[in-house]
Amino acid sequence: MTGNTYLNALIGAVATVLLSFTGISPVLGGATAGYLEGGETSDGLRVGAISGAIASLPALGLLFLILFLIPVAPEPGVVIGGGVLLLGIVALVFGYVVALSAIGGVIGAYAKREL
């Protein structure tokens, strides 16, 4: 891990957020981070995953905010069920972004090595 790993991951996360209008922004952001990191495939995988985790923080924050704003219903089962459903969505979003960013990181590291 180089001293710039977290900086490269942060740049990749910013690229992910800025390119969010595309359907593949986590891959593009991870590829950016992986390209900047260079090195072996494992380095690209690591920096891409870190980039995805950083990029997913705004979405996680928004989903947790919604979770805490769920109105209290007369039935506690409704509140608990809604909370569990929302936490499942949070986990899926986080996994989606981190996995695609890690794949992008591998692609970026490979591109840097081969080009």
N, C-alpha and C. Protein backbone atom coordinates (compact mmCIF):
# COMPACT_ATOMS: atom_id res chain seq x y z
N MET A 1 0.85 -1.17 0.00
CA MET A 1 0.00 0.00 0.00
C MET A 1 0.90 1.23 0.00
N THR A 2 0.70 2.08 -0.95
CA THR A 2 1.50 3.30 -1.04
C THR A 2 0.93 4.36 -0.10
N GLY A 3 1.68 5.42 0.08
CA GLY A 3 1.22 6.50 0.91
C GLY A 3 0.05 7.25 0.30
N ASN A 4 -0.17 7.09 -0.99
CA ASN A 4 -1.23 7.80 -1.69
C ASN A 4 -2.48 6.96 -1.88
N THR A 5 -2.56 5.81 -1.28
CA THR A 5 -3.70 4.92 -1.50
C THR A 5 -5.02 5.59 -1.15
N TYR A 6 -5.07 6.22 0.01
CA TYR A 6 -6.32 6.83 0.43
C TYR A 6 -6.64 8.07 -0.40
N LEU A 7 -5.62 8.79 -0.82
CA LEU A 7 -5.85 9.93 -1.71
C LEU A 7 -6.38 9.44 -3.07
N ASN A 8 -5.78 8.37 -3.60
CA ASN A 8 -6.26 7.79 -4.86
C ASN A 8 -7.69 7.29 -4.72
N ALA A 9 -8.00 6.67 -3.57
CA ALA A 9 -9.36 6.19 -3.32
C ALA A 9 -10.34 7.36 -3.24
N LEU A 10 -9.92 8.45 -2.61
CA LEU A 10 -10.78 9.63 -2.51
C LEU A 10 -11.03 10.24 -3.89
N ILE A 11 -10.01 10.30 -4.73
CA ILE A 11 -10.18 10.81 -6.09
C ILE A 11 -11.14 9.91 -6.87
N GLY A 12 -11.00 8.59 -6.71
CA GLY A 12 -11.91 7.66 -7.35
C GLY A 12 -13.34 7.81 -6.85
N ALA A 13 -13.51 8.08 -5.55
CA ALA A 13 -14.85 8.28 -4.99
C ALA A 13 -15.49 9.54 -5.55
N VAL A 14 -14.69 10.59 -5.69
CA VAL A 14 -15.22 11.84 -6.27
C VAL A 14 -15.62 11.59 -7.72
N ALA A 15 -14.81 10.82 -8.46
CA ALA A 15 -15.16 10.48 -9.84
C ALA A 15 -16.46 9.68 -9.88
N THR A 16 -16.65 8.78 -8.93
CA THR A 16 -17.88 7.99 -8.87
C THR A 16 -19.08 8.90 -8.68
N VAL A 17 -18.98 9.84 -7.76
CA VAL A 17 -20.10 10.73 -7.49
C VAL A 17 -20.37 11.65 -8.69
N LEU A 18 -19.30 12.19 -9.29
CA LEU A 18 -19.48 13.10 -10.43
C LEU A 18 -20.03 12.39 -11.65
N LEU A 19 -19.73 11.10 -11.79
CA LEU A 19 -20.20 10.34 -12.94
C LEU A 19 -21.45 9.52 -12.61
N SER A 20 -22.15 9.91 -11.57
CA SER A 20 -23.30 9.12 -11.11
C SER A 20 -24.45 9.10 -12.12
N PHE A 21 -24.44 10.00 -13.09
CA PHE A 21 -25.49 9.99 -14.10
C PHE A 21 -25.33 8.81 -15.06
N THR A 22 -24.16 8.18 -15.06
CA THR A 22 -23.98 6.97 -15.87
C THR A 22 -24.38 5.77 -15.04
N GLY A 23 -24.65 4.68 -15.66
CA GLY A 23 -25.02 3.49 -14.92
C GLY A 23 -23.83 2.74 -14.35
N ILE A 24 -22.64 3.13 -14.79
CA ILE A 24 -21.45 2.38 -14.39
C ILE A 24 -20.46 3.27 -13.63
N SER A 25 -20.96 4.26 -12.93
CA SER A 25 -20.06 5.18 -12.25
C SER A 25 -19.17 4.50 -11.20
N PRO A 26 -19.61 3.47 -10.46
CA PRO A 26 -18.69 2.83 -9.54
C PRO A 26 -17.50 2.17 -10.26
N VAL A 27 -17.75 1.60 -11.42
CA VAL A 27 -16.67 0.98 -12.19
C VAL A 27 -15.69 2.05 -12.67
N LEU A 28 -16.22 3.17 -13.15
CA LEU A 28 -15.37 4.25 -13.64
C LEU A 28 -14.56 4.87 -12.51
N GLY A 29 -15.18 5.09 -11.37
CA GLY A 29 -14.46 5.65 -10.22
C GLY A 29 -13.40 4.69 -9.69
N GLY A 30 -13.74 3.41 -9.64
CA GLY A 30 -12.76 2.41 -9.20
C GLY A 30 -11.61 2.30 -10.18
N ALA A 31 -11.93 2.40 -11.48
CA ALA A 31 -10.87 2.35 -12.49
C ALA A 31 -9.95 3.55 -12.38
N THR A 32 -10.51 4.71 -12.07
CA THR A 32 -9.70 5.90 -11.86
C THR A 32 -8.74 5.69 -10.69
N ALA A 33 -9.28 5.20 -9.58
CA ALA A 33 -8.44 4.96 -8.40
C ALA A 33 -7.40 3.89 -8.68
N GLY A 34 -7.79 2.82 -9.36
CA GLY A 34 -6.85 1.75 -9.68
C GLY A 34 -5.76 2.19 -10.62
N TYR A 35 -6.10 3.04 -11.57
CA TYR A 35 -5.11 3.56 -12.51
C TYR A 35 -4.11 4.46 -11.78
N LEU A 36 -4.62 5.30 -10.91
CA LEU A 36 -3.72 6.18 -10.15
C LEU A 36 -2.82 5.38 -9.21
N GLU A 37 -3.36 4.31 -8.65
CA GLU A 37 -2.59 3.48 -7.71
C GLU A 37 -1.53 2.68 -8.43
N GLY A 38 -1.90 2.10 -9.59
CA GLY A 38 -0.96 1.27 -10.33
C GLY A 38 -0.65 -0.01 -9.56
N GLY A 39 0.49 -0.58 -9.82
CA GLY A 39 0.90 -1.78 -9.09
C GLY A 39 0.23 -3.04 -9.60
N GLU A 40 0.10 -3.98 -8.68
CA GLU A 40 -0.48 -5.28 -9.00
C GLU A 40 -2.00 -5.22 -8.99
N THR A 41 -2.60 -6.30 -9.43
CA THR A 41 -4.06 -6.41 -9.46
C THR A 41 -4.64 -6.29 -8.05
N SER A 42 -3.96 -6.85 -7.07
CA SER A 42 -4.47 -6.77 -5.69
C SER A 42 -4.47 -5.34 -5.18
N ASP A 43 -3.51 -4.53 -5.63
CA ASP A 43 -3.49 -3.12 -5.24
C ASP A 43 -4.70 -2.39 -5.82
N GLY A 44 -5.01 -2.67 -7.09
CA GLY A 44 -6.18 -2.07 -7.72
C GLY A 44 -7.47 -2.51 -7.06
N LEU A 45 -7.54 -3.78 -6.69
CA LEU A 45 -8.72 -4.31 -6.01
C LEU A 45 -8.93 -3.59 -4.68
N ARG A 46 -7.86 -3.43 -3.92
CA ARG A 46 -7.95 -2.80 -2.61
C ARG A 46 -8.36 -1.33 -2.73
N VAL A 47 -7.67 -0.57 -3.59
CA VAL A 47 -7.98 0.85 -3.70
C VAL A 47 -9.36 1.07 -4.30
N GLY A 48 -9.79 0.19 -5.21
CA GLY A 48 -11.13 0.30 -5.77
C GLY A 48 -12.20 0.05 -4.72
N ALA A 49 -11.99 -0.94 -3.86
CA ALA A 49 -12.96 -1.22 -2.80
C ALA A 49 -13.03 -0.07 -1.80
N ILE A 50 -11.87 0.49 -1.46
CA ILE A 50 -11.86 1.64 -0.55
C ILE A 50 -12.58 2.81 -1.19
N SER A 51 -12.34 3.02 -2.47
CA SER A 51 -13.02 4.09 -3.20
C SER A 51 -14.53 3.90 -3.19
N GLY A 52 -14.98 2.68 -3.40
CA GLY A 52 -16.41 2.39 -3.37
C GLY A 52 -17.02 2.63 -2.00
N ALA A 53 -16.29 2.27 -0.95
CA ALA A 53 -16.79 2.50 0.41
C ALA A 53 -16.93 3.99 0.69
N ILE A 54 -15.94 4.77 0.25
CA ILE A 54 -16.02 6.22 0.45
C ILE A 54 -17.17 6.81 -0.38
N ALA A 55 -17.31 6.35 -1.62
CA ALA A 55 -18.35 6.89 -2.50
C ALA A 55 -19.76 6.55 -2.01
N SER A 56 -19.92 5.45 -1.30
CA SER A 56 -21.25 5.05 -0.85
C SER A 56 -21.68 5.76 0.43
N LEU A 57 -20.79 6.51 1.05
CA LEU A 57 -21.15 7.19 2.30
C LEU A 57 -22.32 8.17 2.14
N PRO A 58 -22.38 8.99 1.08
CA PRO A 58 -23.56 9.87 0.96
C PRO A 58 -24.87 9.09 0.83
N ALA A 59 -24.88 8.02 0.07
CA ALA A 59 -26.11 7.23 -0.08
C ALA A 59 -26.47 6.55 1.23
N LEU A 60 -25.48 6.05 1.95
CA LEU A 60 -25.76 5.42 3.24
C LEU A 60 -26.30 6.44 4.23
N GLY A 61 -25.72 7.63 4.22
CA GLY A 61 -26.20 8.67 5.12
C GLY A 61 -27.65 9.04 4.83
N LEU A 62 -27.98 9.16 3.56
CA LEU A 62 -29.35 9.49 3.18
C LEU A 62 -30.32 8.38 3.58
N LEU A 63 -29.94 7.13 3.36
CA LEU A 63 -30.82 6.03 3.72
C LEU A 63 -30.99 5.91 5.23
N PHE A 64 -29.92 6.15 5.98
CA PHE A 64 -30.06 6.12 7.44
C PHE A 64 -30.92 7.28 7.94
N LEU A 65 -30.83 8.43 7.28
CA LEU A 65 -31.68 9.56 7.65
C LEU A 65 -33.14 9.20 7.44
N ILE A 66 -33.44 8.57 6.32
CA ILE A 66 -34.82 8.14 6.05
C ILE A 66 -35.25 7.12 7.09
N LEU A 67 -34.34 6.24 7.47
CA LEU A 67 -34.67 5.22 8.48
C LEU A 67 -35.10 5.87 9.79
N PHE A 68 -34.41 6.91 10.17
CA PHE A 68 -34.75 7.56 11.43
C PHE A 68 -35.95 8.49 11.31
N LEU A 69 -36.35 8.80 10.09
CA LEU A 69 -37.51 9.66 9.90
C LEU A 69 -38.80 8.87 9.64
N ILE A 70 -38.70 7.54 9.66
CA ILE A 70 -39.92 6.73 9.49
C ILE A 70 -40.86 7.05 10.65
N PRO A 71 -42.06 7.48 10.31
CA PRO A 71 -42.97 7.86 11.40
C PRO A 71 -43.35 6.65 12.25
N VAL A 72 -43.62 6.93 13.47
CA VAL A 72 -44.03 5.88 14.40
C VAL A 72 -45.48 5.52 14.10
N ALA A 73 -45.69 4.30 13.69
CA ALA A 73 -47.02 3.82 13.36
C ALA A 73 -47.65 3.21 14.61
N PRO A 74 -48.98 3.06 14.59
CA PRO A 74 -49.64 2.45 15.74
C PRO A 74 -49.17 1.01 15.98
N GLU A 75 -48.78 0.35 14.90
CA GLU A 75 -48.32 -1.02 15.02
C GLU A 75 -46.78 -1.04 15.03
N PRO A 76 -46.17 -1.54 16.08
CA PRO A 76 -44.70 -1.57 16.11
C PRO A 76 -44.11 -2.48 15.03
N GLY A 77 -44.86 -3.45 14.58
CA GLY A 77 -44.37 -4.34 13.53
C GLY A 77 -44.13 -3.61 12.22
N VAL A 78 -44.93 -2.58 11.95
CA VAL A 78 -44.76 -1.80 10.74
C VAL A 78 -43.45 -1.04 10.79
N VAL A 79 -43.15 -0.44 11.92
CA VAL A 79 -41.91 0.31 12.08
C VAL A 79 -40.71 -0.62 12.00
N ILE A 80 -40.78 -1.75 12.68
CA ILE A 80 -39.67 -2.71 12.68
C ILE A 80 -39.47 -3.29 11.29
N GLY A 81 -40.56 -3.66 10.64
CA GLY A 81 -40.46 -4.21 9.29
C GLY A 81 -39.89 -3.21 8.31
N GLY A 82 -40.34 -1.95 8.38
CA GLY A 82 -39.80 -0.91 7.51
C GLY A 82 -38.32 -0.67 7.77
N GLY A 83 -37.93 -0.69 9.03
CA GLY A 83 -36.52 -0.51 9.37
C GLY A 83 -35.65 -1.63 8.86
N VAL A 84 -36.12 -2.86 9.00
CA VAL A 84 -35.36 -4.00 8.51
C VAL A 84 -35.25 -3.96 6.99
N LEU A 85 -36.32 -3.60 6.32
CA LEU A 85 -36.29 -3.49 4.86
C LEU A 85 -35.30 -2.42 4.41
N LEU A 86 -35.32 -1.29 5.08
CA LEU A 86 -34.41 -0.20 4.71
C LEU A 86 -32.96 -0.58 4.99
N LEU A 87 -32.70 -1.26 6.08
CA LEU A 87 -31.33 -1.72 6.36
C LEU A 87 -30.86 -2.72 5.31
N GLY A 88 -31.77 -3.54 4.82
CA GLY A 88 -31.42 -4.46 3.73
C GLY A 88 -31.06 -3.71 2.46
N ILE A 89 -31.80 -2.65 2.17
CA ILE A 89 -31.50 -1.83 1.00
C ILE A 89 -30.14 -1.16 1.16
N VAL A 90 -29.85 -0.67 2.36
CA VAL A 90 -28.55 -0.05 2.63
C VAL A 90 -27.42 -1.05 2.36
N ALA A 91 -27.59 -2.26 2.84
CA ALA A 91 -26.56 -3.29 2.63
C ALA A 91 -26.38 -3.60 1.14
N LEU A 92 -27.47 -3.67 0.40
CA LEU A 92 -27.37 -3.95 -1.03
C LEU A 92 -26.69 -2.81 -1.79
N VAL A 93 -27.02 -1.58 -1.46
CA VAL A 93 -26.39 -0.43 -2.12
C VAL A 93 -24.90 -0.40 -1.83
N PHE A 94 -24.54 -0.61 -0.58
CA PHE A 94 -23.13 -0.61 -0.19
C PHE A 94 -22.38 -1.72 -0.91
N GLY A 95 -22.93 -2.92 -0.92
CA GLY A 95 -22.28 -4.04 -1.60
C GLY A 95 -22.14 -3.82 -3.10
N TYR A 96 -23.17 -3.26 -3.71
CA TYR A 96 -23.15 -2.97 -5.15
C TYR A 96 -22.04 -1.99 -5.49
N VAL A 97 -21.96 -0.90 -4.77
CA VAL A 97 -20.97 0.13 -5.07
C VAL A 97 -19.56 -0.37 -4.79
N VAL A 98 -19.35 -1.04 -3.67
CA VAL A 98 -18.00 -1.53 -3.33
C VAL A 98 -17.55 -2.60 -4.32
N ALA A 99 -18.43 -3.52 -4.67
CA ALA A 99 -18.04 -4.60 -5.60
C ALA A 99 -17.71 -4.05 -6.98
N LEU A 100 -18.54 -3.18 -7.50
CA LEU A 100 -18.26 -2.63 -8.82
C LEU A 100 -17.03 -1.73 -8.82
N SER A 101 -16.80 -1.02 -7.74
CA SER A 101 -15.59 -0.19 -7.65
C SER A 101 -14.34 -1.06 -7.57
N ALA A 102 -14.43 -2.18 -6.87
CA ALA A 102 -13.29 -3.09 -6.81
C ALA A 102 -12.97 -3.67 -8.18
N ILE A 103 -14.01 -4.02 -8.93
CA ILE A 103 -13.79 -4.51 -10.30
C ILE A 103 -13.15 -3.41 -11.15
N GLY A 104 -13.63 -2.19 -11.01
CA GLY A 104 -13.04 -1.07 -11.73
C GLY A 104 -11.60 -0.84 -11.33
N GLY A 105 -11.29 -1.02 -10.05
CA GLY A 105 -9.91 -0.87 -9.58
C GLY A 105 -8.97 -1.88 -10.23
N VAL A 106 -9.45 -3.11 -10.38
CA VAL A 106 -8.65 -4.13 -11.06
C VAL A 106 -8.42 -3.73 -12.52
N ILE A 107 -9.47 -3.25 -13.17
CA ILE A 107 -9.35 -2.82 -14.57
C ILE A 107 -8.37 -1.66 -14.69
N GLY A 108 -8.46 -0.69 -13.77
CA GLY A 108 -7.57 0.46 -13.81
C GLY A 108 -6.11 0.08 -13.58
N ALA A 109 -5.86 -0.81 -12.62
CA ALA A 109 -4.49 -1.24 -12.36
C ALA A 109 -3.93 -2.01 -13.55
N TYR A 110 -4.77 -2.83 -14.16
CA TYR A 110 -4.34 -3.58 -15.35
C TYR A 110 -4.03 -2.63 -16.50
N ALA A 111 -4.88 -1.63 -16.71
CA ALA A 111 -4.65 -0.66 -17.78
C ALA A 111 -3.35 0.11 -17.57
N LYS A 112 -3.07 0.49 -16.34
CA LYS A 112 -1.83 1.23 -16.05
C LYS A 112 -0.61 0.35 -16.32
N ARG A 113 -0.71 -0.90 -15.94
CA ARG A 113 0.40 -1.83 -16.12
C ARG A 113 0.65 -2.14 -17.59
N GLU A 114 -0.40 -2.24 -18.38
CA GLU A 114 -0.27 -2.66 -19.77
C GLU A 114 -0.09 -1.51 -20.75
N LEU A 115 -0.47 -0.30 -20.37
CA LEU A 115 -0.38 0.82 -21.30
C LEU A 115 0.82 1.69 -21.01
